[in-house]
């Protein structure tokens, strides 16, 4: 590869819009005085541009960054697969905790979307349970319209997964069917995803 002079490399990143040659001005040119002619203005711009560094690097203080974190990621995420693989003891009757109003009502839309994404991914790998259905219902009830693009994609993914699971259920009397129907109905009717709605029989 041929050697490129530094000036040409800078021009490649910031090309000149107008071909301007160095201005021939009289000896009395003073850059501190406002320009009186177009040539003086162009000469002043050339002088200012020559004084600017080619590359500017911001000095960031890591301590300030730590104080102003916009996203807090739990260390649990590092070991998510380990926690998923753990089996509950046979004497445990309740999985997790219910979506209490005191919990979900305090979530902002970004948190609701994050929890919905996490549970949707979980649902993609696991079977449907009543506890999971309660959480989905509570989170859908907390979603505000108009939806964020991420939430829009997530609820469509959820409705498709509910349809898949419902097809695999052997009996219409299964307790999961009404819950799956409700979630599909909420996504398709309330959130206006009509293409995912069940056809009226």
C-alpha atoms as a PDB file:
ATOM      1  CA  UNK A   1       0.000   0.000   0.000  1.00  0.00           C
ATOM      2  CA  UNK A   2       1.322   3.413  -0.957  1.00  0.00           C
ATOM      3  CA  UNK A   3       2.285   5.923   1.684  1.00  0.00           C
ATOM      4  CA  UNK A   4      -0.250   8.728   2.050  1.00  0.00           C
ATOM      5  CA  UNK A   5       0.795  12.096   3.421  1.00  0.00           C
ATOM      6  CA  UNK A   6      -0.940  13.094   6.640  1.00  0.00           C
ATOM      7  CA  UNK A   7      -2.627  16.100   5.011  1.00  0.00           C
ATOM      8  CA  UNK A   8      -4.164  13.902   2.288  1.00  0.00           C
ATOM      9  CA  UNK A   9      -5.435  11.440   4.906  1.00  0.00           C
ATOM     10  CA  UNK A  10      -7.206  14.268   6.737  1.00  0.00           C
ATOM     11  CA  UNK A  11      -8.693  15.539   3.479  1.00  0.00           C
ATOM     12  CA  UNK A  12      -9.978  12.043   2.755  1.00  0.00           C
ATOM     13  CA  UNK A  13     -11.923  12.058   6.048  1.00  0.00           C
ATOM     14  CA  UNK A  14     -13.051  15.679   5.706  1.00  0.00           C
ATOM     15  CA  UNK A  15     -13.027  16.552   1.997  1.00  0.00           C
ATOM     16  CA  UNK A  16     -12.977  20.189   0.953  1.00  0.00           C
ATOM     17  CA  UNK A  17     -16.316  21.316  -0.375  1.00  0.00           C
ATOM     18  CA  UNK A  18     -14.938  24.234  -2.373  1.00  0.00           C
ATOM     19  CA  UNK A  19     -11.558  24.404  -4.091  1.00  0.00           C
ATOM     20  CA  UNK A  20      -9.960  27.346  -2.280  1.00  0.00           C
ATOM     21  CA  UNK A  21      -6.370  28.312  -2.964  1.00  0.00           C
ATOM     22  CA  UNK A  22      -4.298  30.119  -0.331  1.00  0.00           C
ATOM     23  CA  UNK A  23      -5.354  33.779  -0.456  1.00  0.00           C
ATOM     24  CA  UNK A  24      -2.827  36.440  -1.440  1.00  0.00           C
ATOM     25  CA  UNK A  25      -3.519  39.299   0.920  1.00  0.00           C
ATOM     26  CA  UNK A  26      -1.726  42.516   1.604  1.00  0.00           C
ATOM     27  CA  UNK A  27       0.739  42.776   4.445  1.00  0.00           C
ATOM     28  CA  UNK A  28      -1.813  44.713   6.514  1.00  0.00           C
ATOM     29  CA  UNK A  29      -4.068  41.645   7.079  1.00  0.00           C
ATOM     30  CA  UNK A  30      -5.036  41.373  10.756  1.00  0.00           C
ATOM     31  CA  UNK A  31      -6.881  38.122  11.714  1.00  0.00           C
ATOM     32  CA  UNK A  32      -8.228  39.698  14.929  1.00  0.00           C
ATOM     33  CA  UNK A  33     -10.268  42.274  12.971  1.00  0.00           C
ATOM     34  CA  UNK A  34     -13.579  41.144  11.406  1.00  0.00           C
ATOM     35  CA  UNK A  35     -13.080  40.325   7.705  1.00  0.00           C
ATOM     36  CA  UNK A  36     -14.043  43.025   5.163  1.00  0.00           C
ATOM     37  CA  UNK A  37     -13.726  41.032   1.938  1.00  0.00           C
ATOM     38  CA  UNK A  38     -14.459  37.427   0.918  1.00  0.00           C
ATOM     39  CA  UNK A  39     -10.710  36.801   0.572  1.00  0.00           C
ATOM     40  CA  UNK A  40     -10.071  37.967   4.137  1.00  0.00           C
ATOM     41  CA  UNK A  41     -12.875  35.742   5.422  1.00  0.00           C
ATOM     42  CA  UNK A  42     -11.485  32.678   3.587  1.00  0.00           C
ATOM     43  CA  UNK A  43      -7.965  33.415   4.828  1.00  0.00           C
ATOM     44  CA  UNK A  44      -9.270  33.684   8.397  1.00  0.00           C
ATOM     45  CA  UNK A  45     -11.057  30.315   8.073  1.00  0.00           C
ATOM     46  CA  UNK A  46      -7.844  28.736   6.726  1.00  0.00           C
ATOM     47  CA  UNK A  47      -5.828  30.078   9.667  1.00  0.00           C
ATOM     48  CA  UNK A  48      -8.390  28.813  12.213  1.00  0.00           C
ATOM     49  CA  UNK A  49      -8.534  25.390  10.530  1.00  0.00           C
ATOM     50  CA  UNK A  50      -4.737  25.109  10.574  1.00  0.00           C
ATOM     51  CA  UNK A  51      -4.733  25.733  14.350  1.00  0.00           C
ATOM     52  CA  UNK A  52      -7.218  22.930  15.064  1.00  0.00           C
ATOM     53  CA  UNK A  53      -5.764  19.486  15.836  1.00  0.00           C
ATOM     54  CA  UNK A  54      -6.433  16.718  13.296  1.00  0.00           C
ATOM     55  CA  UNK A  55      -7.712  14.376  16.009  1.00  0.00           C
ATOM     56  CA  UNK A  56      -9.451  15.363  19.225  1.00  0.00           C
ATOM     57  CA  UNK A  57      -9.579  12.891  22.109  1.00  0.00           C
ATOM     58  CA  UNK A  58     -11.946  13.374  25.027  1.00  0.00           C
ATOM     59  CA  UNK A  59     -10.503  12.723  28.460  1.00  0.00           C
ATOM     60  CA  UNK A  60     -13.136  10.682  30.313  1.00  0.00           C
ATOM     61  CA  UNK A  61     -13.010  10.310  34.064  1.00  0.00           C
ATOM     62  CA  UNK A  62     -14.029   6.686  34.884  1.00  0.00           C
ATOM     63  CA  UNK A  63     -15.158   7.731  38.380  1.00  0.00           C
ATOM     64  CA  UNK A  64     -17.773  10.081  36.915  1.00  0.00           C
ATOM     65  CA  UNK A  65     -18.979   7.330  34.590  1.00  0.00           C
ATOM     66  CA  UNK A  66     -19.479   4.944  37.502  1.00  0.00           C
ATOM     67  CA  UNK A  67     -21.581   7.521  39.344  1.00  0.00           C
ATOM     68  CA  UNK A  68     -23.787   8.160  36.301  1.00  0.00           C
ATOM     69  CA  UNK A  69     -24.548   4.617  35.149  1.00  0.00           C
ATOM     70  CA  UNK A  70     -27.759   4.557  33.132  1.00  0.00           C
ATOM     71  CA  UNK A  71     -28.123   0.768  33.174  1.00  0.00           C
ATOM     72  CA  UNK A  72     -27.484  -1.501  36.129  1.00  0.00           C
ATOM     73  CA  UNK A  73     -26.900  -5.099  35.109  1.00  0.00           C
ATOM     74  CA  UNK A  74     -27.221  -7.668  37.819  1.00  0.00           C
ATOM     75  CA  UNK A  75     -24.420 -10.167  38.320  1.00  0.00           C
ATOM     76  CA  UNK A  76     -27.112 -12.861  38.173  1.00  0.00           C
ATOM     77  CA  UNK A  77     -27.022 -12.500  34.375  1.00  0.00           C
ATOM     78  CA  UNK A  78     -23.486 -13.914  34.363  1.00  0.00           C
ATOM     79  CA  UNK A  79     -24.790 -17.154  35.843  1.00  0.00           C
ATOM     80  CA  UNK A  80     -28.222 -17.224  34.185  1.00  0.00           C
ATOM     81  CA  UNK A  81     -27.780 -20.692  32.627  1.00  0.00           C
ATOM     82  CA  UNK A  82     -26.655 -22.129  35.956  1.00  0.00           C
ATOM     83  CA  UNK A  83     -29.756 -20.824  37.723  1.00  0.00           C
ATOM     84  CA  UNK A  84     -32.040 -22.067  34.947  1.00  0.00           C
ATOM     85  CA  UNK A  85     -30.647 -25.576  35.243  1.00  0.00           C
ATOM     86  CA  UNK A  86     -31.361 -25.832  38.984  1.00  0.00           C
ATOM     87  CA  UNK A  87     -34.261 -28.120  39.901  1.00  0.00           C
ATOM     88  CA  UNK A  88     -36.638 -27.153  42.685  1.00  0.00           C
ATOM     89  CA  UNK A  89     -37.161 -29.535  45.581  1.00  0.00           C
ATOM     90  CA  UNK A  90     -40.324 -31.619  45.455  1.00  0.00           C
ATOM     91  CA  UNK A  91     -41.653 -29.933  48.605  1.00  0.00           C
ATOM     92  CA  UNK A  92     -41.672 -26.480  46.961  1.00  0.00           C
ATOM     93  CA  UNK A  93     -45.238 -25.695  45.951  1.00  0.00           C
ATOM     94  CA  UNK A  94     -44.868 -22.148  44.650  1.00  0.00           C
ATOM     95  CA  UNK A  95     -42.439 -21.172  41.908  1.00  0.00           C
ATOM     96  CA  UNK A  96     -41.056 -17.669  42.266  1.00  0.00           C
ATOM     97  CA  UNK A  97     -43.483 -15.019  43.445  1.00  0.00           C
ATOM     98  CA  UNK A  98     -46.728 -13.680  41.992  1.00  0.00           C
ATOM     99  CA  UNK A  99     -46.825 -10.418  40.025  1.00  0.00           C
ATOM    100  CA  UNK A 100     -48.098  -8.329  42.899  1.00  0.00           C
ATOM    101  CA  UNK A 101     -49.574  -4.920  42.114  1.00  0.00           C
ATOM    102  CA  UNK A 102     -47.011  -3.384  44.466  1.00  0.00           C
ATOM    103  CA  UNK A 103     -44.275  -4.752  42.185  1.00  0.00           C
ATOM    104  CA  UNK A 104     -45.565  -4.256  38.643  1.00  0.00           C
ATOM    105  CA  UNK A 105     -47.146  -0.839  39.234  1.00  0.00           C
ATOM    106  CA  UNK A 106     -43.721   0.603  40.111  1.00  0.00           C
ATOM    107  CA  UNK A 107     -42.065  -0.634  36.913  1.00  0.00           C
ATOM    108  CA  UNK A 108     -41.355   1.895  34.177  1.00  0.00           C
ATOM    109  CA  UNK A 109     -41.902   0.926  30.529  1.00  0.00           C
ATOM    110  CA  UNK A 110     -38.255  -0.019  29.978  1.00  0.00           C
ATOM    111  CA  UNK A 111     -38.370  -2.403  32.960  1.00  0.00           C
ATOM    112  CA  UNK A 112     -41.680  -3.916  31.840  1.00  0.00           C
ATOM    113  CA  UNK A 113     -40.170  -4.518  28.396  1.00  0.00           C
ATOM    114  CA  UNK A 114     -37.007  -6.059  29.888  1.00  0.00           C
ATOM    115  CA  UNK A 115     -38.956  -8.438  32.150  1.00  0.00           C
ATOM    116  CA  UNK A 116     -41.275  -9.325  29.269  1.00  0.00           C
ATOM    117  CA  UNK A 117     -38.255 -10.113  27.083  1.00  0.00           C
ATOM    118  CA  UNK A 118     -36.671 -12.271  29.782  1.00  0.00           C
ATOM    119  CA  UNK A 119     -39.883 -14.241  30.406  1.00  0.00           C
ATOM    120  CA  UNK A 120     -40.554 -14.602  26.663  1.00  0.00           C
ATOM    121  CA  UNK A 121     -37.090 -16.093  26.195  1.00  0.00           C
ATOM    122  CA  UNK A 122     -37.733 -18.381  29.167  1.00  0.00           C
ATOM    123  CA  UNK A 123     -41.097 -19.404  27.668  1.00  0.00           C
ATOM    124  CA  UNK A 124     -39.319 -20.202  24.396  1.00  0.00           C
ATOM    125  CA  UNK A 125     -37.306 -22.901  26.190  1.00  0.00           C
ATOM    126  CA  UNK A 126     -39.822 -24.088  28.789  1.00  0.00           C
ATOM    127  CA  UNK A 127     -43.429 -25.214  29.018  1.00  0.00           C
ATOM    128  CA  UNK A 128     -46.283 -22.870  29.916  1.00  0.00           C
ATOM    129  CA  UNK A 129     -47.241 -22.701  33.603  1.00  0.00           C
ATOM    130  CA  UNK A 130     -50.032 -20.801  35.390  1.00  0.00           C
ATOM    131  CA  UNK A 131     -47.414 -18.711  37.234  1.00  0.00           C
ATOM    132  CA  UNK A 132     -45.834 -17.674  33.946  1.00  0.00           C
ATOM    133  CA  UNK A 133     -49.275 -16.845  32.569  1.00  0.00           C
ATOM    134  CA  UNK A 134     -49.974 -14.553  35.543  1.00  0.00           C
ATOM    135  CA  UNK A 135     -46.745 -12.677  34.944  1.00  0.00           C
ATOM    136  CA  UNK A 136     -47.465 -12.279  31.230  1.00  0.00           C
ATOM    137  CA  UNK A 137     -50.959 -10.985  31.983  1.00  0.00           C
ATOM    138  CA  UNK A 138     -49.652  -8.476  34.543  1.00  0.00           C
ATOM    139  CA  UNK A 139     -46.908  -7.235  32.219  1.00  0.00           C
ATOM    140  CA  UNK A 140     -49.309  -6.861  29.284  1.00  0.00           C
ATOM    141  CA  UNK A 141     -51.622  -4.891  31.582  1.00  0.00           C
ATOM    142  CA  UNK A 142     -48.717  -2.543  32.391  1.00  0.00           C
ATOM    143  CA  UNK A 143     -47.708  -1.917  28.773  1.00  0.00           C
ATOM    144  CA  UNK A 144     -48.678   1.561  27.630  1.00  0.00           C
ATOM    145  CA  UNK A 145     -49.855   2.379  24.127  1.00  0.00           C
ATOM    146  CA  UNK A 146     -48.367   3.358  21.754  1.00  0.00           C
ATOM    147  CA  UNK A 147     -45.898   0.535  22.129  1.00  0.00           C
ATOM    148  CA  UNK A 148     -42.158   0.895  21.908  1.00  0.00           C
ATOM    149  CA  UNK A 149     -40.779  -1.025  18.880  1.00  0.00           C
ATOM    150  CA  UNK A 150     -39.090  -3.569  21.193  1.00  0.00           C
ATOM    151  CA  UNK A 151     -42.343  -4.235  23.054  1.00  0.00           C
ATOM    152  CA  UNK A 152     -44.234  -4.550  19.771  1.00  0.00           C
ATOM    153  CA  UNK A 153     -41.875  -7.291  18.617  1.00  0.00           C
ATOM    154  CA  UNK A 154     -41.975  -9.044  22.003  1.00  0.00           C
ATOM    155  CA  UNK A 155     -45.760  -9.293  22.255  1.00  0.00           C
ATOM    156  CA  UNK A 156     -45.971 -10.680  18.714  1.00  0.00           C
ATOM    157  CA  UNK A 157     -43.339 -13.274  19.620  1.00  0.00           C
ATOM    158  CA  UNK A 158     -45.332 -14.108  22.771  1.00  0.00           C
ATOM    159  CA  UNK A 159     -48.600 -14.581  20.862  1.00  0.00           C
ATOM    160  CA  UNK A 160     -46.896 -16.851  18.310  1.00  0.00           C
ATOM    161  CA  UNK A 161     -45.359 -18.967  21.062  1.00  0.00           C
ATOM    162  CA  UNK A 162     -48.753 -19.237  22.815  1.00  0.00           C
ATOM    163  CA  UNK A 163     -50.298 -20.450  19.541  1.00  0.00           C
ATOM    164  CA  UNK A 164     -47.552 -23.057  19.124  1.00  0.00           C
ATOM    165  CA  UNK A 165     -48.004 -24.378  22.675  1.00  0.00           C
ATOM    166  CA  UNK A 166     -51.785 -24.442  22.279  1.00  0.00           C
ATOM    167  CA  UNK A 167     -51.443 -26.591  19.152  1.00  0.00           C
ATOM    168  CA  UNK A 168     -49.311 -29.085  21.078  1.00  0.00           C
ATOM    169  CA  UNK A 169     -51.798 -29.373  23.951  1.00  0.00           C
ATOM    170  CA  UNK A 170     -53.655 -32.664  23.555  1.00  0.00           C
ATOM    171  CA  UNK A 171     -57.020 -31.693  25.054  1.00  0.00           C
ATOM    172  CA  UNK A 172     -59.143 -28.549  24.880  1.00  0.00           C
ATOM    173  CA  UNK A 173     -60.029 -29.184  28.531  1.00  0.00           C
ATOM    174  CA  UNK A 174     -56.406 -28.610  29.559  1.00  0.00           C
ATOM    175  CA  UNK A 175     -56.161 -25.802  32.150  1.00  0.00           C
ATOM    176  CA  UNK A 176     -53.502 -24.038  30.063  1.00  0.00           C
ATOM    177  CA  UNK A 177     -55.758 -23.488  27.032  1.00  0.00           C
ATOM    178  CA  UNK A 178     -57.899 -20.631  28.482  1.00  0.00           C
ATOM    179  CA  UNK A 179     -54.778 -18.803  29.690  1.00  0.00           C
ATOM    180  CA  UNK A 180     -53.085 -19.175  26.296  1.00  0.00           C
ATOM    181  CA  UNK A 181     -56.287 -18.003  24.566  1.00  0.00           C
ATOM    182  CA  UNK A 182     -56.432 -14.945  26.822  1.00  0.00           C
ATOM    183  CA  UNK A 183     -52.838 -13.937  26.057  1.00  0.00           C
ATOM    184  CA  UNK A 184     -53.373 -14.384  22.302  1.00  0.00           C
ATOM    185  CA  UNK A 185     -56.588 -12.351  22.521  1.00  0.00           C
ATOM    186  CA  UNK A 186     -54.910  -9.519  24.451  1.00  0.00           C
ATOM    187  CA  UNK A 187     -52.076  -9.235  21.944  1.00  0.00           C
ATOM    188  CA  UNK A 188     -54.287  -9.491  18.869  1.00  0.00           C
ATOM    189  CA  UNK A 189     -57.307  -7.424  19.974  1.00  0.00           C
ATOM    190  CA  UNK A 190     -56.105  -4.916  22.563  1.00  0.00           C
ATOM    191  CA  UNK A 191     -52.704  -4.265  20.977  1.00  0.00           C
ATOM    192  CA  UNK A 192     -54.175  -4.359  17.435  1.00  0.00           C
ATOM    193  CA  UNK A 193     -52.166  -7.286  16.091  1.00  0.00           C
ATOM    194  CA  UNK A 194     -55.180  -8.549  14.107  1.00  0.00           C
ATOM    195  CA  UNK A 195     -53.167 -10.931  11.929  1.00  0.00           C
ATOM    196  CA  UNK A 196     -52.438 -13.014  15.060  1.00  0.00           C
ATOM    197  CA  UNK A 197     -56.098 -13.237  16.135  1.00  0.00           C
ATOM    198  CA  UNK A 198     -58.028 -16.499  16.055  1.00  0.00           C
ATOM    199  CA  UNK A 199     -60.562 -16.787  13.250  1.00  0.00           C
ATOM    200  CA  UNK A 200     -64.148 -16.576  14.596  1.00  0.00           C
ATOM    201  CA  UNK A 201     -65.782 -20.002  14.487  1.00  0.00           C
END
